[in-house]
Amino acid sequence: MKPLDDVKVVDLSRVLAGPWAGQLLADLGAEVIKVERPGVGDDTREWGPPYADSPEAEAPGESAYFLSANRGKLGIAVDFTTEAGRKVIEQLVAQADVVLENFRVGHLAKYGLDYASLAKVKPDIIYCSISGFGQTGPYALRPGYDFIVQGLGGLMSVTGVADGQPGGGPLKAGVALTDIMTGLYAASAVLAALHHRNRTGLGQHIDIALLDVQVATLANQALSYLVSGRSPERIGNDHPSIVPYRTFDALDEPFNIAVGNDAQFVKVCNILGLDSLGADPRFSSNAARVRHRGELVPLLQGALATRPAAEWLNLLKTGGVPAGPINSLKAVFDDPQVKHRGTRIDLPHKTLGTAPGVACPVRFSQAEVGSKISAPVLGEHTIAILQGRLKLSQAEIDALIAAGAVAAHPEYLDVDKTRATQTAE
C-alpha cells in the first residue's frame, strides 16, 4: 500500500517546479495525469540534447530533462483552448483531488480552468498554482524562470567566488534549485491541504511563488542579514559561520572538509601534524576561527597539499572528521553507498523499452513508495484515460481526435476498450 494511493491529481504544469511536485506525489502513490499540448507537449521535451534514445543526437527525442521530472505519470494530450478540450479537463477534475498548474497568472481563467471555475465543478478540489512571483503583487504578471529568481531572490549574491578573486563573480546553482525547492514546497502544501480537507471537508487554492521560496530558503544567510543589517558576500566554498568548512587542495585534487565543532578541529590538527593549532587561542573556538580565518586556512592548506586526497580522506574518516571527495556524476552513481540505497532505477518506457531514473529518496517502514513506470510519451494514455476514466465511447473519442481537442500516441489510436480500461486502472 502506498501513502497516497487514493489520491488523484490532474497535472497541468510544465517545465520543472510543477512537474517536480507532481512526480513526488506520484512516487508517494497518487495517480497523476499529466496534461500536455497535442503535437508539442511539455516545453522540456525539446530541452536537449541529451536525449535518452540517442544521447548525441541533435534531433529531439525523449529528453533527459523531461524524463527527470515526470516519472510515474499517465499522459494525455488535450488542447484545452478548444471547448471540447476544456470539457475533458473539467471531467478529469470532477474525479480528482488535486490540480497542479503553473501558467501565467490569470491565463487559465480565459478557459474556465482557474480555481474559481473548477471549484464549481469540484467544490473540495485542492488547486495549487505555482508561479514566478505569486498571484498578487507588482510582479505577479511577470514570467519567472529559476535563473531569474536565483538572481533576484539573492541566491547568486552568496554563490560564487568573491569579487576580485580568480573566477570571481555571481554563479547560479548547478541545478535549477529554486524550481526543485518550489516543487517540494508545493507537494508539502498539497499534503497539508488534503489533511485539512479530511478534517473540514473544504478544498482551497494554494499560491506558491518561486521568489517566495527562494527568499525563504536563504535560511541562515537571510537571518545573518536580518540580525546584522549587512548583506553576506560571496566567499566561494567557505562557510560564513563555520571554520574550517571548505574545499582544500590536496597534492592531486581538491576535496572537502566540514568541521562542525571544536573537538573535530582538534582531531584535524592532530591528523595534519599541527597539534599546536588546536590549543592556539586564535583557533580554539569556532567564533575565534571565523575571526582568524585568513590566518588559519593557509596553515591547513599548506599541510594538506603534501599528500594525495585519498590518503587524507582515509585518515580523516578513521579520525571521525567529516570529509569527502568532489565526485563527478559518474563517481556518484558508482559510489557503493549510492548503489546500496538503490538510487539509480530503470523503469519501463513505451518507446525506449526502459529509461534510467533516480529513485524517490523517501523510505517508509510501513508503506511502499516509488513509481513503476517512466515518464509517458506524448499522448501515451489518452485513449486509456478517455475510455477507462471518463467512460467515453469510441465514437466520442474519434470526434475529439478529429476536432483536434485531444491527441493520442499513434500506437493507441486503434486500441480496444478492454485493453485501454485495464491500462488506466
Protein backbone atom coordinates (compact mmCIF):
# COMPACT_ATOMS: atom_id res chain seq x y z
CA MET A 1 0.00 0.00 0.00
CA LYS A 2 1.27 3.47 -0.91
CA PRO A 3 0.53 6.53 1.24
CA LEU A 4 -1.39 8.39 -1.49
CA ASP A 5 -2.89 5.55 -3.48
CA ASP A 6 -6.39 7.03 -3.05
CA VAL A 7 -5.41 10.48 -4.36
CA LYS A 8 -5.95 11.62 -7.96
CA VAL A 9 -4.04 14.55 -9.44
CA VAL A 10 -4.53 16.47 -12.66
CA ASP A 11 -1.15 17.94 -13.53
CA LEU A 12 -1.47 20.88 -15.93
CA SER A 13 2.05 22.11 -15.17
CA ARG A 14 5.10 22.29 -17.41
CA VAL A 15 8.89 22.64 -17.18
CA LEU A 16 10.16 21.80 -13.66
CA ALA A 17 8.65 23.20 -10.45
CA GLY A 18 5.11 21.93 -11.07
CA PRO A 19 6.15 18.63 -12.67
CA TRP A 20 8.56 18.03 -9.77
CA ALA A 21 5.67 18.37 -7.31
CA GLY A 22 3.56 16.02 -9.43
CA GLN A 23 6.37 13.49 -9.67
CA LEU A 24 6.79 13.41 -5.90
CA LEU A 25 3.05 12.89 -5.44
CA ALA A 26 3.22 10.05 -7.99
CA ASP A 27 6.16 8.49 -6.13
CA LEU A 28 4.04 8.59 -2.98
CA GLY A 29 1.30 6.68 -4.75
CA ALA A 30 -1.04 9.28 -6.23
CA GLU A 31 -2.46 8.75 -9.69
CA VAL A 32 -1.10 11.73 -11.61
CA ILE A 33 -2.48 12.53 -15.05
CA LYS A 34 -0.12 14.84 -16.92
CA VAL A 35 -1.91 17.05 -19.42
CA GLU A 36 0.12 18.26 -22.41
CA ARG A 37 -0.47 20.18 -25.62
CA PRO A 38 -1.14 17.94 -28.62
CA GLY A 39 1.78 17.76 -31.02
CA VAL A 40 4.07 19.82 -28.77
CA GLY A 41 3.90 18.65 -25.20
CA ASP A 42 5.80 19.99 -22.23
CA ASP A 43 8.48 22.55 -23.15
CA THR A 44 11.17 20.28 -21.69
CA ARG A 45 10.53 17.59 -24.30
CA GLU A 46 12.70 19.77 -26.56
CA TRP A 47 15.30 20.73 -23.93
CA GLY A 48 18.25 18.73 -25.17
CA PRO A 49 20.47 17.09 -26.08
CA PRO A 50 20.95 14.68 -24.44
CA TYR A 51 18.03 12.50 -25.46
CA ALA A 52 17.66 9.04 -23.96
CA ASP A 53 17.06 7.32 -27.30
CA SER A 54 20.17 8.92 -28.83
CA PRO A 55 22.34 10.85 -26.35
CA GLU A 56 24.38 12.59 -29.05
CA ALA A 57 21.52 13.29 -31.45
CA GLU A 58 20.61 16.83 -32.37
CA ALA A 59 17.01 15.99 -33.27
CA PRO A 60 14.59 15.96 -30.34
CA GLY A 61 13.71 12.58 -28.87
CA GLU A 62 12.95 11.58 -25.29
CA SER A 63 14.85 14.32 -23.46
CA ALA A 64 16.70 13.61 -20.25
CA TYR A 65 15.19 16.78 -18.82
CA PHE A 66 11.61 15.62 -19.36
CA LEU A 67 12.37 12.15 -18.03
CA SER A 68 13.83 13.68 -14.85
CA ALA A 69 10.57 15.26 -13.69
CA ASN A 70 7.69 13.16 -14.99
CA ARG A 71 8.12 9.53 -13.98
CA GLY A 72 5.13 7.63 -12.71
CA LYS A 73 2.54 9.75 -14.53
CA LEU A 74 -0.17 8.89 -17.02
CA GLY A 75 0.00 11.13 -20.09
CA ILE A 76 -2.89 12.69 -22.00
CA ALA A 77 -2.68 15.26 -24.79
CA VAL A 78 -5.54 17.80 -24.63
CA ASP A 79 -5.99 21.18 -26.30
CA PHE A 80 -7.94 22.99 -23.60
CA THR A 81 -8.15 26.14 -25.72
CA THR A 82 -10.97 24.32 -27.53
CA GLU A 83 -14.36 23.99 -25.89
CA ALA A 84 -14.28 20.20 -26.24
CA GLY A 85 -10.81 20.04 -24.72
CA ARG A 86 -11.85 22.25 -21.82
CA LYS A 87 -14.73 19.90 -21.08
CA VAL A 88 -12.32 16.95 -20.98
CA ILE A 89 -10.26 18.75 -18.34
CA GLU A 90 -13.43 19.54 -16.37
CA GLN A 91 -14.39 15.86 -16.43
CA LEU A 92 -10.96 14.85 -15.19
CA VAL A 93 -11.08 17.44 -12.41
CA ALA A 94 -14.52 16.25 -11.36
CA GLN A 95 -12.89 12.92 -10.45
CA ALA A 96 -9.71 14.42 -8.98
CA ASP A 97 -8.50 15.61 -5.59
CA VAL A 98 -5.73 17.95 -6.74
CA VAL A 99 -4.93 20.24 -9.66
CA LEU A 100 -1.39 21.48 -10.29
CA GLU A 101 -0.76 24.38 -12.65
CA ASN A 102 2.00 26.88 -13.35
CA PHE A 103 0.60 29.04 -16.10
CA ARG A 104 0.94 32.81 -16.21
CA VAL A 105 -1.29 34.42 -13.58
CA GLY A 106 -4.83 34.73 -14.94
CA HIS A 107 -4.16 32.70 -18.10
CA LEU A 108 -6.36 29.71 -17.24
CA ALA A 109 -9.31 31.92 -16.34
CA LYS A 110 -9.76 32.57 -20.09
CA TYR A 111 -10.62 28.90 -20.49
CA GLY A 112 -12.64 28.40 -17.34
CA LEU A 113 -9.85 26.36 -15.76
CA ASP A 114 -8.91 28.71 -12.91
CA TYR A 115 -9.62 27.84 -9.30
CA ALA A 116 -12.91 29.76 -9.10
CA SER A 117 -14.26 27.96 -12.16
CA LEU A 118 -13.10 24.46 -11.27
CA ALA A 119 -14.27 24.81 -7.67
CA LYS A 120 -17.77 24.93 -9.13
CA VAL A 121 -17.07 21.61 -10.84
CA LYS A 122 -15.44 20.06 -7.75
CA PRO A 123 -16.07 22.18 -4.64
CA ASP A 124 -13.47 20.39 -2.49
CA ILE A 125 -10.68 20.48 -5.09
CA ILE A 126 -7.15 21.32 -3.92
CA TYR A 127 -5.85 23.70 -6.59
CA CYS A 128 -2.14 24.53 -6.44
CA SER A 129 -0.89 27.45 -8.53
CA ILE A 130 2.87 27.76 -8.98
CA SER A 131 4.22 30.98 -10.47
CA GLY A 132 7.36 33.06 -10.54
CA PHE A 133 6.13 35.81 -8.26
CA GLY A 134 2.77 34.78 -6.82
CA GLN A 135 -0.85 35.50 -7.64
CA THR A 136 -0.67 39.05 -6.25
CA GLY A 137 1.79 41.94 -6.12
CA PRO A 138 3.55 44.25 -8.60
CA TYR A 139 5.47 41.37 -10.23
CA ALA A 140 2.55 38.94 -10.47
CA LEU A 141 2.22 39.12 -14.25
CA ARG A 142 5.93 38.72 -14.96
CA PRO A 143 7.22 35.40 -16.31
CA GLY A 144 9.53 33.79 -13.79
CA TYR A 145 12.26 31.27 -14.53
CA ASP A 146 14.57 29.68 -11.99
CA PHE A 147 17.67 31.53 -13.23
CA ILE A 148 15.97 34.93 -12.97
CA VAL A 149 14.72 34.18 -9.47
CA GLN A 150 18.09 32.87 -8.25
CA GLY A 151 19.47 36.31 -9.09
CA LEU A 152 16.52 38.39 -7.97
CA GLY A 153 16.00 36.38 -4.80
CA GLY A 154 19.56 36.70 -3.54
CA LEU A 155 20.96 33.20 -4.04
CA MET A 156 23.50 34.31 -6.63
CA SER A 157 24.70 37.09 -4.34
CA VAL A 158 26.03 34.44 -1.93
CA THR A 159 27.05 31.82 -4.52
CA GLY A 160 30.39 32.01 -6.28
CA VAL A 161 33.94 33.17 -5.72
CA ALA A 162 34.47 36.57 -4.11
CA ASP A 163 34.79 39.58 -6.37
CA GLY A 164 38.41 40.35 -7.16
CA GLN A 165 39.47 36.71 -6.91
CA PRO A 166 40.22 34.48 -9.94
CA GLY A 167 36.88 33.30 -11.27
CA GLY A 168 35.10 35.79 -9.03
CA GLY A 169 31.50 36.79 -9.61
CA PRO A 170 27.96 35.52 -9.09
CA LEU A 171 27.03 31.96 -10.04
CA LYS A 172 23.74 30.11 -10.23
CA ALA A 173 23.42 26.71 -8.60
CA GLY A 174 24.34 23.81 -10.89
CA VAL A 175 20.74 22.57 -10.97
CA ALA A 176 17.53 24.61 -11.08
CA LEU A 177 17.45 24.61 -7.31
CA THR A 178 14.70 27.21 -6.89
CA ASP A 179 12.38 25.18 -9.13
CA ILE A 180 13.16 21.99 -7.23
CA MET A 181 12.58 23.60 -3.82
CA THR A 182 9.36 25.17 -5.08
CA GLY A 183 8.17 21.75 -6.23
CA LEU A 184 8.92 20.30 -2.81
CA TYR A 185 7.09 23.13 -1.03
CA ALA A 186 4.16 22.70 -3.41
CA ALA A 187 3.91 18.97 -2.71
CA SER A 188 4.11 19.61 1.03
CA ALA A 189 1.38 22.24 0.77
CA VAL A 190 -0.84 19.84 -1.19
CA LEU A 191 -0.44 17.19 1.50
CA ALA A 192 -1.31 19.71 4.21
CA ALA A 193 -4.35 20.86 2.25
CA LEU A 194 -5.51 17.26 1.82
CA HIS A 195 -5.18 16.74 5.58
CA HIS A 196 -7.11 19.97 6.17
CA ARG A 197 -9.83 18.78 3.78
CA ASN A 198 -10.08 15.47 5.62
CA ARG A 199 -10.86 17.40 8.81
CA THR A 200 -13.06 20.15 7.38
CA GLY A 201 -14.36 18.97 4.01
CA LEU A 202 -13.01 22.14 2.42
CA GLY A 203 -10.92 22.46 -0.71
CA GLN A 204 -8.72 25.50 -1.29
CA HIS A 205 -6.40 27.44 -3.56
CA ILE A 206 -2.65 27.22 -2.85
CA ASP A 207 -0.43 30.07 -4.05
CA ILE A 208 3.27 29.10 -4.35
CA ALA A 209 5.84 31.52 -5.82
CA LEU A 210 9.43 30.82 -6.84
CA LEU A 211 10.55 34.16 -5.39
CA ASP A 212 8.88 33.46 -2.03
CA VAL A 213 10.54 30.05 -1.89
CA GLN A 214 13.93 31.42 -2.88
CA VAL A 215 13.88 34.06 -0.15
CA ALA A 216 12.55 31.58 2.43
CA THR A 217 15.32 29.09 1.69
CA LEU A 218 18.15 31.59 2.09
CA ALA A 219 17.99 30.21 5.63
CA ASN A 220 21.00 31.25 7.75
CA GLN A 221 22.11 33.77 5.12
CA ALA A 222 18.78 35.60 5.33
CA LEU A 223 18.89 35.65 9.11
CA SER A 224 22.51 36.80 9.07
CA TYR A 225 21.37 39.85 7.15
CA LEU A 226 18.28 40.43 9.28
CA VAL A 227 20.17 40.32 12.57
CA SER A 228 23.22 42.29 11.39
CA GLY A 229 21.97 44.58 8.66
CA ARG A 230 24.91 43.51 6.50
CA SER A 231 24.43 41.63 3.25
CA PRO A 232 26.51 38.42 3.17
CA GLU A 233 29.07 38.31 0.38
CA ARG A 234 30.27 35.55 -1.91
CA ILE A 235 33.08 33.57 -0.31
CA GLY A 236 33.32 30.58 -2.64
CA ASN A 237 33.26 27.25 -0.84
CA ASP A 238 33.96 28.75 2.57
CA HIS A 239 31.16 28.80 5.13
CA PRO A 240 30.25 32.24 6.50
CA SER A 241 29.86 30.99 10.08
CA ILE A 242 31.97 27.82 10.42
CA VAL A 243 35.75 27.37 10.01
CA PRO A 244 37.25 25.17 8.62
CA TYR A 245 34.34 24.20 6.42
CA ARG A 246 35.56 24.44 2.84
CA THR A 247 37.33 22.88 -0.11
CA PHE A 248 41.07 22.26 0.23
CA ASP A 249 43.61 21.31 -2.43
CA ALA A 250 45.44 18.06 -1.80
CA LEU A 251 48.56 17.07 -3.70
CA ASP A 252 46.48 15.75 -6.62
CA GLU A 253 42.93 17.09 -6.39
CA PRO A 254 40.57 19.10 -4.19
CA PHE A 255 38.31 17.63 -1.51
CA ASN A 256 36.01 18.90 1.23
CA ILE A 257 36.41 19.13 4.99
CA ALA A 258 33.47 20.08 7.21
CA VAL A 259 34.46 20.70 10.83
CA GLY A 260 31.32 21.22 12.88
CA ASN A 261 32.73 21.62 16.41
CA ASP A 262 35.90 22.29 18.40
CA ALA A 263 36.61 18.62 19.12
CA GLN A 264 36.64 17.84 15.41
CA PHE A 265 39.02 20.75 14.84
CA VAL A 266 41.49 19.34 17.34
CA LYS A 267 41.29 15.99 15.52
CA VAL A 268 42.05 17.67 12.19
CA CYS A 269 45.07 19.41 13.68
CA ASN A 270 46.37 16.13 15.11
CA ILE A 271 45.89 14.29 11.80
CA LEU A 272 47.71 17.04 9.92
CA GLY A 273 50.59 17.14 12.42
CA LEU A 274 49.60 20.64 13.52
CA ASP A 275 48.81 19.77 17.13
CA SER A 276 49.67 23.23 18.46
CA LEU A 277 46.91 24.87 16.43
CA GLY A 278 44.24 23.07 18.45
CA ALA A 279 45.25 24.94 21.60
CA ASP A 280 46.07 28.26 19.93
CA PRO A 281 43.68 30.90 21.35
CA ARG A 282 43.21 32.27 17.84
CA PHE A 283 41.64 28.98 16.78
CA SER A 284 40.39 27.28 19.95
CA SER A 285 36.72 28.14 19.35
CA ASN A 286 34.67 28.38 16.21
CA ALA A 287 34.00 32.08 16.73
CA ALA A 288 37.75 32.66 17.05
CA ARG A 289 38.42 30.61 13.92
CA VAL A 290 35.90 32.66 11.96
CA ARG A 291 37.63 35.87 13.08
CA HIS A 292 41.07 34.47 12.18
CA ARG A 293 40.01 32.59 9.03
CA GLY A 294 42.67 34.34 6.95
CA GLU A 295 45.45 33.08 9.22
CA LEU A 296 44.17 29.54 9.77
CA VAL A 297 43.21 28.44 6.27
CA PRO A 298 46.70 28.88 4.74
CA LEU A 299 48.23 26.82 7.57
CA LEU A 300 45.82 23.96 6.95
CA GLN A 301 46.16 24.25 3.19
CA GLY A 302 49.94 24.05 3.38
CA ALA A 303 49.78 20.76 5.23
CA LEU A 304 47.04 19.26 3.08
CA ALA A 305 48.94 19.98 -0.15
CA THR A 306 51.60 17.43 0.79
CA ARG A 307 49.58 14.23 0.24
CA PRO A 308 47.01 12.88 -2.23
CA ALA A 309 43.35 13.40 -1.42
CA ALA A 310 42.67 9.68 -0.98
CA GLU A 311 45.24 9.44 1.81
CA TRP A 312 43.81 12.42 3.66
CA LEU A 313 40.26 11.17 3.24
CA ASN A 314 41.20 7.82 4.73
CA LEU A 315 42.97 9.43 7.70
CA LEU A 316 40.12 11.88 8.31
CA LYS A 317 37.50 9.12 8.06
CA THR A 318 39.43 6.99 10.55
CA GLY A 319 39.72 10.00 12.84
CA GLY A 320 35.99 10.71 12.76
CA VAL A 321 36.27 14.01 10.87
CA PRO A 322 33.60 14.76 8.21
CA ALA A 323 35.34 14.91 4.83
CA GLY A 324 34.55 13.80 1.32
CA PRO A 325 35.55 13.86 -2.34
CA ILE A 326 34.10 16.12 -5.02
CA ASN A 327 32.57 13.48 -7.25
CA SER A 328 31.66 13.60 -10.89
CA LEU A 329 28.21 12.22 -11.67
CA LYS A 330 29.88 9.01 -12.86
CA ALA A 331 31.57 8.68 -9.49
CA VAL A 332 28.28 9.44 -7.73
CA PHE A 333 26.43 6.57 -9.39
CA ASP A 334 29.43 4.26 -8.92
CA ASP A 335 29.60 5.06 -5.21
CA PRO A 336 28.89 1.96 -3.06
CA GLN A 337 26.55 3.84 -0.71
CA VAL A 338 24.57 5.28 -3.60
CA LYS A 339 24.34 1.80 -5.12
CA HIS A 340 23.32 0.26 -1.80
CA ARG A 341 20.44 2.73 -1.45
CA GLY A 342 19.15 1.83 -4.92
CA THR A 343 19.34 5.41 -6.11
CA ARG A 344 19.57 4.60 -9.81
CA ILE A 345 16.48 2.93 -11.19
CA ASP A 346 15.43 1.68 -14.63
CA LEU A 347 11.75 1.95 -15.45
CA PRO A 348 9.59 0.64 -18.31
CA HIS A 349 9.18 3.20 -21.09
CA LYS A 350 6.91 2.96 -24.09
CA THR A 351 9.43 3.71 -26.84
CA LEU A 352 12.76 3.17 -25.09
CA GLY A 353 11.98 -0.18 -23.51
CA THR A 354 13.48 1.04 -20.26
CA ALA A 355 14.61 4.51 -19.21
CA PRO A 356 17.02 5.37 -16.41
CA GLY A 357 15.88 7.44 -13.47
CA VAL A 358 16.64 8.45 -9.91
CA ALA A 359 14.65 6.84 -7.11
CA CYS A 360 12.42 8.75 -4.72
CA PRO A 361 14.65 9.40 -1.69
CA VAL A 362 11.88 8.78 0.87
CA ARG A 363 11.82 5.48 2.78
CA PHE A 364 8.83 4.38 4.86
CA SER A 365 8.79 1.42 7.24
CA GLN A 366 5.08 0.68 6.67
CA ALA A 367 4.38 1.86 3.14
CA GLU A 368 5.72 1.48 -0.37
CA VAL A 369 6.95 4.46 -2.38
CA GLY A 370 8.36 4.89 -5.86
CA SER A 371 6.98 4.79 -9.38
CA LYS A 372 6.74 1.69 -11.53
CA ILE A 373 6.76 3.45 -14.93
CA SER A 374 8.92 6.11 -16.54
CA ALA A 375 7.65 9.39 -17.96
CA PRO A 376 4.92 8.98 -20.60
CA VAL A 377 5.45 9.60 -24.29
CA LEU A 378 3.21 12.35 -25.61
CA GLY A 379 -0.39 11.17 -25.60
CA GLU A 380 0.53 7.70 -24.39
CA HIS A 381 -2.53 7.21 -22.18
CA THR A 382 -5.02 9.48 -23.95
CA ILE A 383 -7.24 6.66 -25.17
CA ALA A 384 -6.95 4.72 -21.93
CA ILE A 385 -7.95 7.70 -19.82
CA LEU A 386 -10.85 8.75 -22.04
CA GLN A 387 -12.23 5.21 -22.08
CA GLY A 388 -11.22 3.93 -18.67
CA ARG A 389 -11.70 7.09 -16.61
CA LEU A 390 -14.26 9.19 -18.44
CA LYS A 391 -16.16 6.22 -19.98
CA LEU A 392 -16.34 7.85 -23.39
CA SER A 393 -17.41 5.75 -26.36
CA GLN A 394 -15.12 5.15 -29.31
CA ALA A 395 -17.31 7.44 -31.41
CA GLU A 396 -16.94 10.24 -28.84
CA ILE A 397 -13.18 9.75 -28.74
CA ASP A 398 -12.96 9.74 -32.53
CA ALA A 399 -14.87 13.02 -32.61
CA LEU A 400 -12.50 14.61 -30.08
CA ILE A 401 -9.47 13.49 -32.09
CA ALA A 402 -11.00 14.70 -35.36
CA ALA A 403 -11.70 18.10 -33.78
CA GLY A 404 -8.12 18.40 -32.53
CA ALA A 405 -9.30 18.57 -28.92
CA VAL A 406 -7.20 15.56 -27.92
CA ALA A 407 -4.37 13.57 -29.43
CA ALA A 408 -3.08 10.08 -28.81
CA HIS A 409 0.19 8.30 -29.34
CA PRO A 410 -0.22 6.53 -32.72
CA GLU A 411 0.09 3.04 -31.26
CA TYR A 412 -3.05 3.58 -29.19
CA LEU A 413 -5.37 5.02 -31.80
CA ASP A 414 -6.95 1.64 -32.52
CA VAL A 415 -6.69 0.18 -29.03
CA ASP A 416 -9.73 -1.76 -27.93
CA LYS A 417 -11.74 -0.60 -24.96
CA THR A 418 -10.88 -3.55 -22.73
CA ARG A 419 -7.15 -3.04 -23.07
CA ALA A 420 -7.46 0.70 -22.58
CA THR A 421 -9.51 0.33 -19.45
CA GLN A 422 -7.04 -2.17 -18.00
CA THR A 423 -4.14 0.20 -18.75
CA ALA A 424 -5.85 3.07 -16.97
CA GLU A 425 -6.84 1.02 -13.96
